[in-house]
Amino acid sequence: MDCLEVTPEFARARELWQRGEFWEVHEVLEPLWMRLEGKRREVVHGLILLAAALHKARTSPTGGWRNFAKALRHLEGLPDIYAGLDLGQTVAEVRRALEQPGYHPRLCLARS
């Protein structure tokens, strides 16, 4: 599995992300995360935590930033473009949403 985007879980998570249903993104990605190993597992863990950050920020900005920091630790050392995803741009989008409540971040795929 080179690209995570081809998995049914990721496809569903992306739909939920676009609708702003960030807790549900977390729930959908968790079974995928449990099956993976190595760097792909870290990517999915990081995405779960980014979604959790966006969910938590609705009620606790501090909690949102805390989950964001956890996500960065899982994504640290990975290239910006990895497994079909644009991790660098996705992280930037989530950071912007945490800084500017009301901004809807994109979950970015790598451009071919």
N, C-alpha and C. Protein backbone atom coordinates (compact mmCIF):
# COMPACT_ATOMS: atom_id res chain seq x y z
N MET A 1 0.85 -1.17 0.00
CA MET A 1 0.00 0.00 0.00
C MET A 1 0.89 1.24 0.00
N ASP A 2 1.14 1.79 -1.17
CA ASP A 2 1.97 2.98 -1.25
C ASP A 2 1.23 4.23 -0.80
N CYS A 3 0.00 4.37 -1.24
CA CYS A 3 -0.77 5.58 -0.94
C CYS A 3 -1.88 5.27 0.05
N LEU A 4 -1.88 5.98 1.14
CA LEU A 4 -2.93 5.79 2.13
C LEU A 4 -4.30 6.20 1.59
N GLU A 5 -4.30 7.14 0.66
CA GLU A 5 -5.57 7.66 0.15
C GLU A 5 -6.42 6.61 -0.53
N VAL A 6 -5.84 5.48 -0.94
CA VAL A 6 -6.61 4.44 -1.62
C VAL A 6 -7.32 3.50 -0.65
N THR A 7 -7.07 3.61 0.63
CA THR A 7 -7.75 2.75 1.59
C THR A 7 -9.18 3.26 1.81
N PRO A 8 -10.12 2.35 2.04
CA PRO A 8 -11.50 2.78 2.30
C PRO A 8 -11.60 3.67 3.54
N GLU A 9 -10.80 3.36 4.55
CA GLU A 9 -10.84 4.18 5.78
C GLU A 9 -10.41 5.61 5.49
N PHE A 10 -9.35 5.77 4.72
CA PHE A 10 -8.88 7.12 4.44
C PHE A 10 -9.88 7.87 3.58
N ALA A 11 -10.46 7.19 2.59
CA ALA A 11 -11.46 7.85 1.73
C ALA A 11 -12.62 8.36 2.59
N ARG A 12 -13.08 7.54 3.52
CA ARG A 12 -14.18 7.95 4.40
C ARG A 12 -13.72 9.08 5.32
N ALA A 13 -12.53 8.97 5.86
CA ALA A 13 -12.01 10.01 6.76
C ALA A 13 -11.91 11.35 6.02
N ARG A 14 -11.51 11.31 4.78
CA ARG A 14 -11.39 12.56 4.01
C ARG A 14 -12.76 13.21 3.81
N GLU A 15 -13.78 12.41 3.53
CA GLU A 15 -15.14 12.96 3.42
C GLU A 15 -15.57 13.62 4.72
N LEU A 16 -15.32 12.94 5.82
CA LEU A 16 -15.70 13.48 7.13
C LEU A 16 -14.93 14.76 7.44
N TRP A 17 -13.64 14.78 7.10
CA TRP A 17 -12.80 15.96 7.33
C TRP A 17 -13.39 17.15 6.58
N GLN A 18 -13.76 16.93 5.32
CA GLN A 18 -14.32 18.01 4.50
C GLN A 18 -15.60 18.57 5.13
N ARG A 19 -16.35 17.74 5.84
CA ARG A 19 -17.59 18.18 6.48
C ARG A 19 -17.35 18.75 7.88
N GLY A 20 -16.10 18.71 8.33
CA GLY A 20 -15.79 19.25 9.65
C GLY A 20 -16.14 18.30 10.79
N GLU A 21 -16.28 17.02 10.49
CA GLU A 21 -16.62 16.01 11.50
C GLU A 21 -15.33 15.35 11.98
N PHE A 22 -14.57 16.13 12.75
CA PHE A 22 -13.22 15.72 13.09
C PHE A 22 -13.15 14.56 14.09
N TRP A 23 -14.09 14.47 15.02
CA TRP A 23 -14.07 13.33 15.94
C TRP A 23 -14.32 12.05 15.16
N GLU A 24 -15.22 12.10 14.18
CA GLU A 24 -15.51 10.93 13.36
C GLU A 24 -14.31 10.53 12.51
N VAL A 25 -13.51 11.52 12.07
CA VAL A 25 -12.27 11.21 11.34
C VAL A 25 -11.39 10.33 12.22
N HIS A 26 -11.24 10.72 13.44
CA HIS A 26 -10.45 9.96 14.41
C HIS A 26 -10.97 8.52 14.51
N GLU A 27 -12.26 8.36 14.64
CA GLU A 27 -12.86 7.03 14.80
C GLU A 27 -12.65 6.16 13.56
N VAL A 28 -12.77 6.74 12.38
CA VAL A 28 -12.64 5.98 11.13
C VAL A 28 -11.19 5.57 10.88
N LEU A 29 -10.24 6.42 11.24
CA LEU A 29 -8.84 6.12 10.99
C LEU A 29 -8.22 5.15 11.99
N GLU A 30 -8.81 5.03 13.14
CA GLU A 30 -8.19 4.20 14.18
C GLU A 30 -7.99 2.74 13.76
N PRO A 31 -8.97 2.07 13.12
CA PRO A 31 -8.71 0.69 12.69
C PRO A 31 -7.57 0.58 11.67
N LEU A 32 -7.45 1.57 10.78
CA LEU A 32 -6.34 1.59 9.82
C LEU A 32 -5.02 1.72 10.57
N TRP A 33 -4.96 2.65 11.50
CA TRP A 33 -3.77 2.87 12.32
C TRP A 33 -3.33 1.58 13.01
N MET A 34 -4.29 0.84 13.52
CA MET A 34 -3.96 -0.39 14.25
C MET A 34 -3.37 -1.47 13.35
N ARG A 35 -3.71 -1.44 12.05
CA ARG A 35 -3.20 -2.45 11.11
C ARG A 35 -1.82 -2.12 10.55
N LEU A 36 -1.46 -0.85 10.57
CA LEU A 36 -0.23 -0.42 9.92
C LEU A 36 0.99 -0.57 10.83
N GLU A 37 2.15 -0.45 10.20
CA GLU A 37 3.42 -0.47 10.93
C GLU A 37 4.32 0.64 10.40
N GLY A 38 5.34 0.94 11.16
CA GLY A 38 6.38 1.87 10.71
C GLY A 38 5.88 3.27 10.43
N LYS A 39 6.43 3.86 9.37
CA LYS A 39 6.15 5.26 9.04
C LYS A 39 4.68 5.50 8.70
N ARG A 40 4.05 4.55 8.01
CA ARG A 40 2.64 4.73 7.67
C ARG A 40 1.77 4.77 8.92
N ARG A 41 2.13 3.98 9.89
CA ARG A 41 1.41 4.01 11.18
C ARG A 41 1.58 5.38 11.84
N GLU A 42 2.79 5.93 11.79
CA GLU A 42 3.03 7.26 12.37
C GLU A 42 2.23 8.34 11.64
N VAL A 43 2.15 8.24 10.31
CA VAL A 43 1.37 9.21 9.54
C VAL A 43 -0.08 9.19 9.98
N VAL A 44 -0.65 8.00 10.05
CA VAL A 44 -2.07 7.90 10.42
C VAL A 44 -2.27 8.35 11.86
N HIS A 45 -1.35 8.02 12.74
CA HIS A 45 -1.44 8.49 14.12
C HIS A 45 -1.40 10.02 14.16
N GLY A 46 -0.50 10.60 13.37
CA GLY A 46 -0.43 12.06 13.29
C GLY A 46 -1.73 12.66 12.77
N LEU A 47 -2.33 12.06 11.75
CA LEU A 47 -3.60 12.57 11.21
C LEU A 47 -4.73 12.45 12.25
N ILE A 48 -4.74 11.34 12.98
CA ILE A 48 -5.73 11.18 14.04
C ILE A 48 -5.60 12.31 15.06
N LEU A 49 -4.37 12.62 15.43
CA LEU A 49 -4.15 13.68 16.42
C LEU A 49 -4.45 15.07 15.86
N LEU A 50 -4.21 15.28 14.57
CA LEU A 50 -4.59 16.56 13.95
C LEU A 50 -6.10 16.73 13.98
N ALA A 51 -6.82 15.65 13.65
CA ALA A 51 -8.28 15.71 13.71
C ALA A 51 -8.75 15.94 15.15
N ALA A 52 -8.11 15.28 16.10
CA ALA A 52 -8.45 15.47 17.51
C ALA A 52 -8.19 16.92 17.94
N ALA A 53 -7.12 17.50 17.43
CA ALA A 53 -6.81 18.90 17.75
C ALA A 53 -7.93 19.82 17.26
N LEU A 54 -8.39 19.59 16.05
CA LEU A 54 -9.46 20.42 15.50
C LEU A 54 -10.77 20.24 16.27
N HIS A 55 -11.04 19.01 16.65
CA HIS A 55 -12.25 18.74 17.45
C HIS A 55 -12.15 19.41 18.82
N LYS A 56 -11.05 19.22 19.49
CA LYS A 56 -10.86 19.74 20.84
C LYS A 56 -10.83 21.27 20.86
N ALA A 57 -10.29 21.87 19.82
CA ALA A 57 -10.16 23.33 19.77
C ALA A 57 -11.52 24.02 19.82
N ARG A 58 -12.57 23.31 19.46
CA ARG A 58 -13.92 23.91 19.50
C ARG A 58 -14.33 24.26 20.92
N THR A 59 -13.85 23.50 21.89
CA THR A 59 -14.22 23.76 23.28
C THR A 59 -13.04 24.19 24.13
N SER A 60 -11.83 23.90 23.68
CA SER A 60 -10.64 24.24 24.46
C SER A 60 -9.46 24.52 23.52
N PRO A 61 -9.20 25.80 23.24
CA PRO A 61 -8.05 26.10 22.38
C PRO A 61 -6.76 25.49 22.89
N THR A 62 -6.56 25.50 24.20
CA THR A 62 -5.35 24.92 24.77
C THR A 62 -5.27 23.42 24.48
N GLY A 63 -6.39 22.74 24.60
CA GLY A 63 -6.43 21.31 24.29
C GLY A 63 -6.16 21.04 22.82
N GLY A 64 -6.64 21.93 21.96
CA GLY A 64 -6.37 21.80 20.53
C GLY A 64 -4.89 21.90 20.24
N TRP A 65 -4.24 22.89 20.84
CA TRP A 65 -2.80 23.06 20.62
C TRP A 65 -2.01 21.89 21.20
N ARG A 66 -2.48 21.35 22.32
CA ARG A 66 -1.79 20.20 22.92
C ARG A 66 -1.82 18.99 21.98
N ASN A 67 -2.98 18.71 21.39
CA ASN A 67 -3.07 17.60 20.44
C ASN A 67 -2.28 17.89 19.17
N PHE A 68 -2.23 19.15 18.76
CA PHE A 68 -1.44 19.53 17.60
C PHE A 68 0.04 19.22 17.85
N ALA A 69 0.53 19.55 19.04
CA ALA A 69 1.94 19.27 19.38
C ALA A 69 2.21 17.77 19.38
N LYS A 70 1.27 16.99 19.87
CA LYS A 70 1.43 15.52 19.85
C LYS A 70 1.50 15.02 18.41
N ALA A 71 0.65 15.57 17.55
CA ALA A 71 0.65 15.16 16.14
C ALA A 71 1.99 15.45 15.50
N LEU A 72 2.55 16.62 15.78
CA LEU A 72 3.84 16.98 15.19
C LEU A 72 4.93 16.00 15.59
N ARG A 73 4.88 15.49 16.80
CA ARG A 73 5.88 14.52 17.25
C ARG A 73 5.80 13.23 16.42
N HIS A 74 4.61 12.84 16.03
CA HIS A 74 4.45 11.62 15.21
C HIS A 74 4.86 11.86 13.76
N LEU A 75 4.72 13.09 13.29
CA LEU A 75 5.04 13.40 11.89
C LEU A 75 6.48 13.87 11.71
N GLU A 76 7.15 14.13 12.81
CA GLU A 76 8.53 14.63 12.78
C GLU A 76 9.43 13.67 12.01
N GLY A 77 10.24 14.23 11.15
CA GLY A 77 11.20 13.44 10.40
C GLY A 77 10.66 12.84 9.11
N LEU A 78 9.36 12.92 8.90
CA LEU A 78 8.78 12.42 7.66
C LEU A 78 8.84 13.52 6.60
N PRO A 79 8.97 13.15 5.34
CA PRO A 79 8.95 14.17 4.29
C PRO A 79 7.58 14.84 4.21
N ASP A 80 7.55 16.06 3.70
CA ASP A 80 6.27 16.77 3.55
C ASP A 80 5.29 16.00 2.67
N ILE A 81 5.80 15.36 1.64
CA ILE A 81 4.96 14.55 0.76
C ILE A 81 5.27 13.09 1.07
N TYR A 82 4.26 12.36 1.55
CA TYR A 82 4.50 10.97 1.94
C TYR A 82 3.20 10.16 1.84
N ALA A 83 3.30 8.99 1.27
CA ALA A 83 2.19 8.03 1.17
C ALA A 83 0.96 8.64 0.50
N GLY A 84 1.20 9.51 -0.48
CA GLY A 84 0.10 10.12 -1.22
C GLY A 84 -0.51 11.35 -0.57
N LEU A 85 0.08 11.77 0.54
CA LEU A 85 -0.45 12.92 1.28
C LEU A 85 0.55 14.06 1.28
N ASP A 86 0.02 15.28 1.35
CA ASP A 86 0.87 16.45 1.53
C ASP A 86 0.80 16.81 3.01
N LEU A 87 1.67 16.20 3.77
CA LEU A 87 1.67 16.38 5.22
C LEU A 87 2.02 17.81 5.61
N GLY A 88 2.98 18.39 4.91
CA GLY A 88 3.39 19.76 5.23
C GLY A 88 2.24 20.74 5.08
N GLN A 89 1.50 20.63 3.99
CA GLN A 89 0.38 21.54 3.76
C GLN A 89 -0.77 21.25 4.72
N THR A 90 -1.01 19.99 5.02
CA THR A 90 -2.08 19.64 5.96
C THR A 90 -1.77 20.21 7.35
N VAL A 91 -0.54 20.07 7.79
CA VAL A 91 -0.14 20.64 9.09
C VAL A 91 -0.33 22.16 9.07
N ALA A 92 0.07 22.82 7.98
CA ALA A 92 -0.10 24.26 7.87
C ALA A 92 -1.58 24.64 7.93
N GLU A 93 -2.42 23.85 7.28
CA GLU A 93 -3.87 24.11 7.30
C GLU A 93 -4.43 24.00 8.71
N VAL A 94 -4.02 22.96 9.44
CA VAL A 94 -4.52 22.78 10.81
C VAL A 94 -4.01 23.90 11.70
N ARG A 95 -2.74 24.27 11.54
CA ARG A 95 -2.19 25.38 12.33
C ARG A 95 -3.01 26.66 12.10
N ARG A 96 -3.32 26.93 10.83
CA ARG A 96 -4.11 28.12 10.51
C ARG A 96 -5.49 28.05 11.16
N ALA A 97 -6.12 26.87 11.15
CA ALA A 97 -7.44 26.73 11.77
C ALA A 97 -7.38 26.95 13.28
N LEU A 98 -6.29 26.51 13.91
CA LEU A 98 -6.14 26.73 15.35
C LEU A 98 -5.89 28.20 15.65
N GLU A 99 -5.20 28.88 14.77
CA GLU A 99 -4.91 30.31 14.95
C GLU A 99 -6.11 31.18 14.60
N GLN A 100 -6.93 30.72 13.65
CA GLN A 100 -8.06 31.50 13.15
C GLN A 100 -9.34 30.68 13.26
N PRO A 101 -9.96 30.65 14.44
CA PRO A 101 -11.21 29.88 14.58
C PRO A 101 -12.21 30.28 13.48
N GLY A 102 -12.84 29.28 12.93
CA GLY A 102 -13.77 29.50 11.83
C GLY A 102 -13.18 29.13 10.48
N TYR A 103 -11.85 29.07 10.40
CA TYR A 103 -11.21 28.64 9.16
C TYR A 103 -11.36 27.13 9.04
N HIS A 104 -11.76 26.66 7.86
CA HIS A 104 -11.91 25.22 7.64
C HIS A 104 -10.68 24.67 6.92
N PRO A 105 -9.87 23.87 7.62
CA PRO A 105 -8.63 23.35 7.03
C PRO A 105 -8.89 22.23 6.04
N ARG A 106 -8.02 22.14 5.05
CA ARG A 106 -8.08 21.05 4.08
C ARG A 106 -7.18 19.91 4.53
N LEU A 107 -7.57 18.70 4.18
CA LEU A 107 -6.72 17.53 4.29
C LEU A 107 -6.13 17.35 2.91
N CYS A 108 -4.85 17.59 2.77
CA CYS A 108 -4.24 17.75 1.44
C CYS A 108 -3.60 16.47 0.92
N LEU A 109 -3.94 16.15 -0.29
CA LEU A 109 -3.31 15.04 -0.99
C LEU A 109 -2.12 15.56 -1.77
N ALA A 110 -1.16 14.68 -2.02
CA ALA A 110 0.01 15.04 -2.83
C ALA A 110 -0.45 15.25 -4.28
N ARG A 111 0.12 16.21 -4.91
CA ARG A 111 -0.20 16.45 -6.34
C ARG A 111 0.74 15.62 -7.18
N SER A 112 0.18 14.96 -8.17
CA SER A 112 1.04 14.13 -9.02
C SER A 112 1.65 14.94 -10.15
